[in-house]
Protein backbone atom coordinates (compact mmCIF):
# COMPACT_ATOMS: atom_id res chain seq x y z
CA MET A 1 170.53 106.04 73.25
CA VAL A 2 173.89 107.17 72.23
CA LEU A 3 174.19 110.99 72.41
CA PRO A 4 176.67 113.15 70.48
CA SER A 5 179.91 113.95 72.26
CA ARG A 6 180.00 117.45 73.67
CA ALA A 7 182.99 119.58 74.60
CA MET A 8 183.38 119.47 78.36
CA PRO A 9 185.61 121.59 80.65
CA PRO A 10 188.69 119.70 81.74
CA LEU A 11 187.67 116.79 84.01
CA SER A 12 189.95 113.86 84.21
CA LEU A 13 187.91 110.67 84.21
CA SER A 14 189.60 107.41 85.06
CA ARG A 15 186.25 105.58 84.53
CA PRO A 16 182.82 106.51 83.39
CA LEU A 17 180.70 109.18 85.32
CA ALA A 18 177.02 108.25 85.46
CA PHE A 19 174.74 111.21 85.91
CA PHE A 20 171.25 110.10 87.05
CA ASP A 21 167.96 111.49 88.22
CA LEU A 22 164.92 109.88 89.85
CA GLU A 23 161.17 110.65 89.62
CA THR A 24 159.47 109.26 92.60
CA THR A 25 156.16 108.95 94.67
CA GLY A 26 157.41 111.51 97.19
CA ILE A 27 160.25 113.18 98.87
CA ASP A 28 161.23 110.69 101.60
CA PRO A 29 164.20 108.56 100.51
CA ARG A 30 163.51 106.11 103.29
CA GLN A 31 159.94 105.30 102.19
CA ASP A 32 159.12 106.61 98.72
CA LYS A 33 159.39 104.59 95.49
CA ILE A 34 160.98 105.25 92.13
CA VAL A 35 158.67 105.65 89.14
CA GLU A 36 161.35 106.66 86.65
CA ILE A 37 165.15 106.71 86.47
CA ALA A 38 167.28 108.34 83.82
CA ILE A 39 171.02 107.69 83.48
CA VAL A 40 173.52 109.43 81.18
CA ARG A 41 176.92 107.78 81.18
CA ARG A 42 179.81 110.12 80.32
CA GLU A 43 182.66 107.97 79.11
CA PRO A 44 186.35 108.98 79.56
CA ASP A 45 186.68 109.53 75.85
CA GLY A 46 183.76 111.97 75.80
CA ARG A 47 181.01 109.66 74.51
CA ARG A 48 177.68 109.80 76.26
CA GLU A 49 174.85 107.20 76.44
CA ALA A 50 171.35 107.81 77.84
CA ARG A 51 168.96 105.26 79.19
CA VAL A 52 165.58 105.72 80.81
CA TRP A 53 163.46 103.20 82.77
CA ARG A 54 159.84 103.81 83.92
CA VAL A 55 158.48 101.42 86.49
CA ASP A 56 155.38 100.55 88.43
CA PRO A 57 155.94 101.75 92.05
CA GLU A 58 153.29 99.18 93.21
CA ARG A 59 151.44 101.95 94.99
CA PRO A 60 149.25 104.88 93.95
CA ILE A 61 151.24 107.90 92.79
CA PRO A 62 150.10 110.94 94.81
CA LYS A 63 148.66 113.81 92.89
CA GLU A 64 151.29 116.06 94.53
CA ALA A 65 154.01 113.96 92.90
CA THR A 66 152.24 113.84 89.55
CA ALA A 67 152.00 117.69 89.65
CA VAL A 68 155.81 117.71 89.72
CA HIS A 69 156.81 115.03 87.19
CA GLY A 70 153.55 114.48 85.23
CA ILE A 71 153.56 110.66 85.66
CA ARG A 72 150.14 109.14 86.48
CA ASP A 73 149.07 105.72 87.71
CA GLU A 74 147.81 104.95 84.15
CA ASP A 75 151.22 105.80 82.76
CA VAL A 76 152.96 102.95 84.75
CA ARG A 77 150.13 100.37 84.60
CA GLY A 78 151.45 97.09 83.15
CA LEU A 79 155.12 98.13 83.44
CA PRO A 80 157.55 96.07 85.52
CA PRO A 81 158.20 96.97 89.05
CA PHE A 82 161.61 98.27 90.02
CA ARG A 83 162.92 94.97 91.12
CA GLY A 84 162.25 93.74 87.53
CA VAL A 85 164.86 96.11 86.11
CA ALA A 86 167.21 96.52 89.08
CA ARG A 87 169.91 94.20 87.76
CA GLU A 88 169.68 95.79 84.33
CA ILE A 89 170.23 99.26 85.87
CA VAL A 90 173.27 98.20 87.89
CA ALA A 91 174.70 96.42 84.83
CA HIS A 92 174.31 99.68 82.84
CA LEU A 93 176.08 101.57 85.63
CA GLY A 94 178.95 99.15 85.58
CA ASP A 95 181.92 100.56 87.48
CA ALA A 96 180.86 104.22 86.85
CA ASP A 97 181.08 106.87 89.57
CA LEU A 98 177.78 108.74 90.22
CA ALA A 99 176.82 112.34 89.62
CA GLY A 100 173.73 114.55 89.57
CA TYR A 101 171.97 117.42 91.30
CA ASN A 102 171.01 116.88 95.03
CA VAL A 103 171.89 113.26 94.67
CA ARG A 104 173.78 112.88 97.94
CA ARG A 105 170.74 113.70 100.09
CA PHE A 106 168.00 112.11 98.05
CA ASP A 107 168.59 110.11 94.85
CA VAL A 108 171.57 108.08 95.99
CA PRO A 109 170.03 106.84 99.29
CA LEU A 110 166.65 106.19 97.64
CA LEU A 111 168.34 104.31 94.78
CA GLU A 112 170.54 102.29 97.11
CA ARG A 113 167.45 101.38 99.32
CA GLU A 114 165.34 100.33 96.36
CA LEU A 115 168.19 98.16 94.93
CA LYS A 116 168.75 96.59 98.35
CA GLU A 117 165.11 95.65 98.64
CA SER A 118 165.42 94.10 95.15
CA GLY A 119 168.33 91.94 96.24
CA VAL A 120 170.96 94.00 94.27
CA ASP A 121 173.99 95.71 95.72
CA LEU A 122 174.87 99.29 94.40
CA ALA A 123 178.37 98.81 95.77
CA LEU A 124 178.35 102.43 96.82
CA ALA A 125 181.55 102.13 98.82
CA GLY A 126 183.48 101.73 95.61
CA ARG A 127 181.91 104.70 93.80
CA ARG A 128 182.67 108.36 94.03
CA VAL A 129 179.69 110.70 94.17
CA ILE A 130 179.75 114.22 92.59
CA ASP A 131 176.79 116.45 93.56
CA ALA A 132 176.50 119.63 91.42
CA MET A 133 174.23 121.16 94.11
CA THR A 134 177.02 121.00 96.68
CA ILE A 135 179.37 122.71 94.20
CA PHE A 136 176.68 125.32 93.47
CA HIS A 137 176.07 126.10 97.21
CA ARG A 138 179.78 126.25 97.99
CA LYS A 139 180.62 128.61 95.06
CA GLU A 140 177.38 130.68 95.42
CA PRO A 141 176.50 130.74 99.13
CA ARG A 142 172.87 130.97 100.12
CA ASP A 143 173.34 132.19 103.69
CA LEU A 144 172.04 135.47 105.16
CA SER A 145 175.11 137.44 104.18
CA ALA A 146 174.68 136.32 100.48
CA ALA A 147 170.97 137.34 100.72
CA VAL A 148 171.87 140.73 101.98
CA LYS A 149 174.25 141.28 99.14
CA PHE A 150 171.90 140.04 96.54
CA PHE A 151 168.66 141.63 97.70
CA LEU A 152 169.94 144.79 99.45
CA GLY A 153 173.13 145.44 97.52
CA ARG A 154 175.28 145.91 100.62
CA PRO A 155 177.56 143.87 102.82
CA HIS A 156 176.02 142.30 105.99
CA ASP A 157 177.93 144.17 108.67
CA GLY A 158 177.73 142.50 112.07
CA ALA A 159 176.97 139.02 110.65
CA HIS A 160 176.18 136.42 113.31
CA GLY A 161 175.23 139.11 115.83
CA ALA A 162 171.67 138.45 116.83
CA GLU A 163 170.33 141.99 116.42
CA ALA A 164 172.08 142.56 113.07
CA ASP A 165 170.90 139.15 111.76
CA VAL A 166 167.28 139.65 112.71
CA LEU A 167 167.22 143.19 111.19
CA ALA A 168 168.84 141.91 108.05
CA SER A 169 166.24 139.10 107.80
CA LEU A 170 163.41 141.61 107.97
CA ASP A 171 165.07 143.81 105.31
CA VAL A 172 165.65 140.74 103.08
CA LEU A 173 161.96 139.63 103.32
CA GLU A 174 160.71 143.05 102.46
CA ALA A 175 163.12 143.25 99.55
CA GLN A 176 162.00 139.86 98.28
CA LEU A 177 158.36 140.99 98.40
CA ALA A 178 159.27 144.07 96.42
CA ARG A 179 161.38 142.18 93.86
CA TYR A 180 158.84 139.34 93.29
CA PRO A 181 155.33 140.90 92.88
CA ASP A 182 153.77 137.44 92.39
CA LEU A 183 154.59 136.48 96.00
CA PRO A 184 151.56 136.31 98.35
CA ALA A 185 151.02 139.35 100.45
CA THR A 186 149.60 137.60 103.59
CA VAL A 187 151.46 135.51 106.10
CA ASP A 188 149.09 132.56 105.69
CA GLU A 189 149.46 132.56 101.93
CA LEU A 190 153.17 133.15 102.09
CA GLU A 191 153.69 130.18 104.35
CA GLN A 192 151.53 127.92 102.13
CA TRP A 193 153.48 129.11 99.04
CA ALA A 194 156.91 128.45 100.66
CA HIS A 195 155.88 125.23 102.48
CA PRO A 196 152.91 123.68 100.58
CA LYS A 197 150.95 121.07 102.37
CA ALA A 198 148.56 118.43 101.25
CA GLU A 199 144.86 119.31 101.30
CA GLY A 200 143.43 118.38 104.81
CA ALA A 201 146.85 118.30 106.55
CA VAL A 202 146.62 118.22 110.29
CA ASP A 203 150.22 118.84 111.08
CA ARG A 204 152.53 121.58 109.91
CA GLU A 205 154.42 119.42 107.42
CA GLY A 206 151.46 117.42 106.12
CA LYS A 207 152.56 114.10 107.34
CA PHE A 208 148.99 113.27 108.20
CA ILE A 209 145.73 114.36 106.57
CA VAL A 210 142.02 113.99 107.40
CA ARG A 211 140.13 111.85 104.89
CA GLU A 212 136.45 111.06 105.49
CA GLY A 213 136.78 111.89 109.04
CA GLU A 214 139.87 109.69 109.72
CA VAL A 215 143.50 110.79 110.23
CA VAL A 216 145.49 108.91 107.63
CA PHE A 217 149.09 108.71 106.61
CA ALA A 218 150.30 111.04 103.78
CA PHE A 219 153.73 109.59 103.40
CA GLY A 220 155.70 106.31 103.30
CA ARG A 221 154.57 102.67 102.97
CA GLN A 222 151.54 103.37 105.12
CA LYS A 223 150.28 106.11 102.84
CA GLY A 224 146.51 106.27 102.78
CA LYS A 225 146.07 104.04 105.79
CA PRO A 226 144.22 105.29 108.93
CA LEU A 227 146.60 106.15 111.69
CA ARG A 228 144.16 104.42 114.17
CA GLU A 229 144.44 101.13 112.17
CA VAL A 230 148.25 101.21 111.92
CA ALA A 231 148.37 101.87 115.76
CA ARG A 232 146.35 98.72 116.27
CA VAL A 233 148.26 96.38 113.90
CA GLN A 234 151.75 97.75 113.52
CA ARG A 235 152.68 99.65 116.72
CA ASP A 236 156.35 99.10 116.05
CA TYR A 237 156.19 101.32 112.92
CA LEU A 238 154.70 104.11 115.03
CA GLU A 239 157.32 103.58 117.66
CA TRP A 240 160.03 103.96 114.98
CA ILE A 241 158.47 107.31 114.03
CA LEU A 242 158.78 108.50 117.64
CA ARG A 243 162.43 107.48 117.63
CA SER A 244 163.09 109.29 114.35
CA ASP A 245 163.38 112.96 113.43
CA PHE A 246 159.74 113.78 112.91
CA PRO A 247 158.07 117.19 113.71
CA ASP A 248 156.66 117.54 117.23
CA ASP A 249 153.03 117.95 116.08
CA ALA A 250 153.27 114.79 113.95
CA ARG A 251 154.79 112.90 116.96
CA LYS A 252 151.92 114.05 119.21
CA LEU A 253 149.35 112.55 116.73
CA VAL A 254 151.35 109.27 116.83
CA GLU A 255 151.51 109.34 120.60
CA ALA A 256 147.80 109.88 120.88
CA ALA A 257 147.12 107.03 118.44
CA LEU A 258 149.31 104.62 120.48
CA ARG A 259 147.33 105.69 123.63
CA GLY A 260 144.13 104.88 121.74
CA ASP A 261 142.92 108.51 121.89
């Protein structure tokens, strides 16, 4: 779809800039799958062209993901898998640089991984990446000093001194509760609001849940499989988890499964 040109603040483009966004089965760029990708190419002459691909992730779409993007299993049934459109996507990108919001930490690594698994090279080394979130955070800091100024209307004197920082944190939280009356009033509810977990989670980040009396994976390519079964047939995957940056309580569950507990 060719979009009408729109006035844009001065930005010198020597080649197209492709803004893109992914909708996925989850939030782990190392394991989750793409269900939709949208790309808007901004040409050096100001023209814009939009394309959208929806694909079958070849695994169930979790209800938590559907709650975010609205895409259900029945919406992708019969569609090609990502590998069926991978070459078309890279051809559409051409030599464009990449841009988007939070793309450096999530969208770019997930897209590169999915393309690699499809036998297609994103050629990322030859592309520049502009992340609007990085610009936002650098121009509008979200550190404690910024929170004190925003919520309390004063400078944070004594920043990075332990006592001044902890007192400021307390003041900021109280100001947040006063500013946003819809925030939960109890610690349990506030934690769940800020860090929602899947129903039946058995660790703080919800990496594992209890389903019909079994501890099962709630993430990655083993999603929905019993931890006990994976420990029996794919120990190397659990050993990889132990070598990776997973929370301690999730690691303890894995260690117990490897011991056969």
